[in-house]
């Protein structure tokens, strides 16, 4: 499908969204508040781009499922309570 998201690209996008989500929910002991703020900002910006991309009419079923899954991952990470190191 023209304009679709290829399988290798979906894998890269999935990995990036997962790493962002993990950083938001389980920051390292040395993480600073600024780093977490930047992660939140990046996750929110990515979520907005995902929602926009999901509106494209020329996406395959796989790409739509990928975007929905990535959106859910980021939404849950942004809404989750922070797991503090040592807690």
N, C-alpha and C. Protein backbone atom coordinates (compact mmCIF):
# COMPACT_ATOMS: atom_id res chain seq x y z
N UNK A 1 0.85 -1.18 0.00
CA UNK A 1 0.00 0.00 0.00
C UNK A 1 0.90 1.24 0.00
N UNK A 2 0.66 2.12 -0.95
CA UNK A 2 1.46 3.34 -1.05
C UNK A 2 1.25 4.20 0.20
N UNK A 3 2.35 4.70 0.78
CA UNK A 3 2.25 5.54 1.96
C UNK A 3 2.11 4.75 3.25
N UNK A 4 2.20 3.43 3.16
CA UNK A 4 2.07 2.57 4.34
C UNK A 4 3.36 2.59 5.14
N UNK A 5 3.32 2.03 6.34
CA UNK A 5 4.51 1.93 7.20
C UNK A 5 5.07 0.51 7.03
N UNK A 6 6.31 0.42 6.56
CA UNK A 6 6.91 -0.89 6.32
C UNK A 6 7.15 -1.63 7.64
N UNK A 7 7.27 -2.94 7.55
CA UNK A 7 7.49 -3.77 8.73
C UNK A 7 8.77 -3.37 9.49
N UNK A 8 9.91 -3.19 8.81
CA UNK A 8 11.12 -2.78 9.55
C UNK A 8 10.94 -1.41 10.23
N UNK A 9 10.24 -0.51 9.58
CA UNK A 9 10.01 0.81 10.18
C UNK A 9 9.10 0.69 11.40
N UNK A 10 8.09 -0.17 11.32
CA UNK A 10 7.20 -0.39 12.47
C UNK A 10 8.00 -0.93 13.65
N UNK A 11 8.94 -1.84 13.39
CA UNK A 11 9.79 -2.39 14.46
C UNK A 11 10.61 -1.30 15.13
N UNK A 12 11.20 -0.42 14.32
CA UNK A 12 11.99 0.69 14.89
C UNK A 12 11.10 1.63 15.71
N UNK A 13 9.93 1.94 15.18
CA UNK A 13 9.00 2.81 15.89
C UNK A 13 8.53 2.17 17.19
N UNK A 14 8.25 0.88 17.14
CA UNK A 14 7.80 0.16 18.34
C UNK A 14 8.88 0.18 19.42
N UNK A 15 10.12 -0.04 19.01
CA UNK A 15 11.24 -0.02 19.95
C UNK A 15 11.40 1.36 20.58
N UNK A 16 11.29 2.39 19.77
CA UNK A 16 11.43 3.76 20.29
C UNK A 16 10.31 4.08 21.29
N UNK A 17 9.08 3.75 20.95
CA UNK A 17 7.95 4.00 21.86
C UNK A 17 8.12 3.21 23.15
N UNK A 18 8.59 1.98 23.06
CA UNK A 18 8.78 1.16 24.25
C UNK A 18 9.87 1.73 25.15
N UNK A 19 10.95 2.21 24.56
CA UNK A 19 12.03 2.80 25.35
C UNK A 19 11.58 4.09 26.02
N UNK A 20 10.81 4.89 25.32
CA UNK A 20 10.27 6.11 25.92
C UNK A 20 9.37 5.75 27.11
N UNK A 21 8.49 4.78 26.90
CA UNK A 21 7.56 4.37 27.96
C UNK A 21 8.33 3.84 29.17
N UNK A 22 9.33 3.03 28.92
CA UNK A 22 10.12 2.47 30.02
C UNK A 22 10.84 3.58 30.78
N UNK A 23 11.37 4.55 30.08
CA UNK A 23 12.06 5.66 30.73
C UNK A 23 11.13 6.50 31.58
N UNK A 24 9.88 6.61 31.16
CA UNK A 24 8.90 7.36 31.93
C UNK A 24 8.47 6.62 33.19
N UNK A 25 8.30 5.32 33.07
CA UNK A 25 7.76 4.55 34.19
C UNK A 25 8.84 4.07 35.16
N UNK A 26 10.07 3.85 34.66
CA UNK A 26 11.13 3.33 35.52
C UNK A 26 12.43 4.09 35.27
N UNK A 27 12.47 5.35 35.68
CA UNK A 27 13.71 6.10 35.45
C UNK A 27 14.83 5.54 36.31
N UNK A 28 16.04 5.67 35.85
CA UNK A 28 17.20 5.21 36.60
C UNK A 28 17.41 6.05 37.84
N UNK A 29 18.17 5.53 38.77
CA UNK A 29 18.43 6.23 40.03
C UNK A 29 19.13 7.57 39.78
N UNK A 30 19.91 7.64 38.71
CA UNK A 30 20.65 8.88 38.43
C UNK A 30 19.85 9.85 37.55
N UNK A 31 18.62 9.48 37.17
CA UNK A 31 17.82 10.35 36.31
C UNK A 31 17.47 11.64 37.02
N UNK A 32 17.61 12.70 36.31
CA UNK A 32 17.26 14.00 36.86
C UNK A 32 15.84 14.36 36.44
N UNK A 33 15.25 15.27 37.16
CA UNK A 33 13.89 15.71 36.86
C UNK A 33 13.81 16.30 35.45
N UNK A 34 14.86 17.00 35.03
CA UNK A 34 14.86 17.57 33.68
C UNK A 34 14.79 16.48 32.61
N UNK A 35 15.50 15.38 32.84
CA UNK A 35 15.49 14.29 31.88
C UNK A 35 14.10 13.69 31.77
N UNK A 36 13.43 13.51 32.91
CA UNK A 36 12.07 12.98 32.88
C UNK A 36 11.12 13.95 32.18
N UNK A 37 11.29 15.23 32.41
CA UNK A 37 10.46 16.23 31.75
C UNK A 37 10.65 16.18 30.23
N UNK A 38 11.89 16.02 29.81
CA UNK A 38 12.16 15.91 28.38
C UNK A 38 11.57 14.64 27.79
N UNK A 39 11.64 13.54 28.53
CA UNK A 39 11.02 12.29 28.07
C UNK A 39 9.51 12.46 27.92
N UNK A 40 8.87 13.11 28.90
CA UNK A 40 7.43 13.35 28.82
C UNK A 40 7.09 14.21 27.61
N UNK A 41 7.89 15.24 27.39
CA UNK A 41 7.66 16.12 26.25
C UNK A 41 7.76 15.34 24.93
N UNK A 42 8.81 14.54 24.81
CA UNK A 42 9.01 13.74 23.60
C UNK A 42 7.88 12.73 23.41
N UNK A 43 7.46 12.09 24.49
CA UNK A 43 6.36 11.11 24.41
C UNK A 43 5.05 11.78 23.99
N UNK A 44 4.78 12.96 24.52
CA UNK A 44 3.56 13.68 24.16
C UNK A 44 3.59 14.10 22.69
N UNK A 45 4.74 14.56 22.23
CA UNK A 45 4.87 14.96 20.82
C UNK A 45 4.72 13.75 19.90
N UNK A 46 5.31 12.63 20.27
CA UNK A 46 5.20 11.42 19.47
C UNK A 46 3.76 10.92 19.45
N UNK A 47 3.09 10.98 20.58
CA UNK A 47 1.70 10.55 20.65
C UNK A 47 0.83 11.39 19.71
N UNK A 48 1.06 12.69 19.67
CA UNK A 48 0.31 13.57 18.76
C UNK A 48 0.56 13.18 17.30
N UNK A 49 1.83 12.87 16.96
CA UNK A 49 2.15 12.46 15.59
C UNK A 49 1.52 11.11 15.24
N UNK A 50 1.49 10.20 16.22
CA UNK A 50 0.87 8.89 15.99
C UNK A 50 -0.63 9.06 15.71
N UNK A 51 -1.28 9.89 16.50
CA UNK A 51 -2.73 10.12 16.31
C UNK A 51 -3.01 10.73 14.95
N UNK A 52 -2.14 11.63 14.51
CA UNK A 52 -2.29 12.23 13.19
C UNK A 52 -2.08 11.19 12.09
N UNK A 53 -1.04 10.38 12.23
CA UNK A 53 -0.75 9.34 11.24
C UNK A 53 -1.87 8.32 11.14
N UNK A 54 -2.51 8.02 12.25
CA UNK A 54 -3.59 7.02 12.27
C UNK A 54 -4.80 7.46 11.44
N UNK A 55 -4.90 8.73 11.14
CA UNK A 55 -6.03 9.25 10.35
C UNK A 55 -5.84 9.07 8.86
N UNK A 56 -4.62 8.67 8.44
CA UNK A 56 -4.36 8.48 7.02
C UNK A 56 -5.21 7.34 6.48
N UNK A 57 -5.75 7.54 5.31
CA UNK A 57 -6.66 6.56 4.72
C UNK A 57 -5.94 5.37 4.07
N UNK A 58 -4.67 5.53 3.74
CA UNK A 58 -3.98 4.51 2.95
C UNK A 58 -3.11 3.57 3.78
N UNK A 59 -3.49 3.29 5.02
CA UNK A 59 -2.70 2.42 5.88
C UNK A 59 -3.23 0.98 5.86
N UNK A 60 -2.31 0.05 5.95
CA UNK A 60 -2.69 -1.36 6.04
C UNK A 60 -3.25 -1.65 7.43
N UNK A 61 -3.87 -2.81 7.57
CA UNK A 61 -4.39 -3.25 8.86
C UNK A 61 -3.25 -3.36 9.87
N UNK A 62 -2.11 -3.88 9.42
CA UNK A 62 -0.94 -4.02 10.30
C UNK A 62 -0.46 -2.66 10.81
N UNK A 63 -0.41 -1.69 9.92
CA UNK A 63 0.05 -0.35 10.31
C UNK A 63 -0.95 0.29 11.28
N UNK A 64 -2.22 0.12 11.04
CA UNK A 64 -3.25 0.67 11.95
C UNK A 64 -3.13 0.04 13.34
N UNK A 65 -2.95 -1.27 13.37
CA UNK A 65 -2.80 -1.96 14.65
C UNK A 65 -1.53 -1.48 15.36
N UNK A 66 -0.46 -1.31 14.61
CA UNK A 66 0.80 -0.82 15.17
C UNK A 66 0.62 0.56 15.79
N UNK A 67 -0.04 1.46 15.07
CA UNK A 67 -0.24 2.82 15.58
C UNK A 67 -1.13 2.81 16.82
N UNK A 68 -2.17 1.98 16.81
CA UNK A 68 -3.05 1.88 17.98
C UNK A 68 -2.28 1.35 19.18
N UNK A 69 -1.45 0.34 18.97
CA UNK A 69 -0.66 -0.24 20.05
C UNK A 69 0.35 0.77 20.60
N UNK A 70 1.04 1.48 19.72
CA UNK A 70 2.02 2.48 20.15
C UNK A 70 1.34 3.62 20.90
N UNK A 71 0.18 4.01 20.42
CA UNK A 71 -0.59 5.06 21.10
C UNK A 71 -0.98 4.63 22.50
N UNK A 72 -1.43 3.40 22.64
CA UNK A 72 -1.82 2.87 23.95
C UNK A 72 -0.62 2.78 24.89
N UNK A 73 0.51 2.32 24.37
CA UNK A 73 1.73 2.22 25.17
C UNK A 73 2.12 3.58 25.75
N UNK A 74 2.14 4.59 24.89
CA UNK A 74 2.54 5.92 25.35
C UNK A 74 1.50 6.54 26.27
N UNK A 75 0.23 6.35 25.97
CA UNK A 75 -0.84 6.89 26.81
C UNK A 75 -0.75 6.32 28.22
N UNK A 76 -0.56 5.01 28.32
CA UNK A 76 -0.44 4.37 29.63
C UNK A 76 0.81 4.85 30.37
N UNK A 77 1.91 5.00 29.65
CA UNK A 77 3.15 5.45 30.29
C UNK A 77 3.01 6.88 30.81
N UNK A 78 2.35 7.72 30.05
CA UNK A 78 2.16 9.11 30.47
C UNK A 78 1.21 9.20 31.66
N UNK A 79 0.26 8.27 31.76
CA UNK A 79 -0.71 8.30 32.85
C UNK A 79 -0.24 7.55 34.10
N UNK A 80 0.79 6.72 33.95
CA UNK A 80 1.25 5.87 35.06
C UNK A 80 1.93 6.68 36.14
N UNK A 81 1.80 6.15 37.35
CA UNK A 81 2.54 6.74 38.47
C UNK A 81 4.01 6.36 38.33
N UNK A 82 4.85 7.25 38.71
CA UNK A 82 6.29 7.03 38.63
C UNK A 82 6.73 5.97 39.61
N UNK A 83 7.47 4.98 39.14
CA UNK A 83 8.07 3.96 40.02
C UNK A 83 9.42 4.50 40.45
N UNK A 84 9.51 4.98 41.65
CA UNK A 84 10.75 5.58 42.15
C UNK A 84 11.81 4.52 42.41
N UNK A 85 13.04 4.86 42.12
CA UNK A 85 14.16 3.95 42.37
C UNK A 85 14.25 3.67 43.86
N UNK A 86 14.38 2.41 44.23
CA UNK A 86 14.51 2.01 45.63
C UNK A 86 13.20 1.92 46.36
N UNK A 87 12.08 2.17 45.67
CA UNK A 87 10.78 2.10 46.33
C UNK A 87 10.18 0.74 46.23
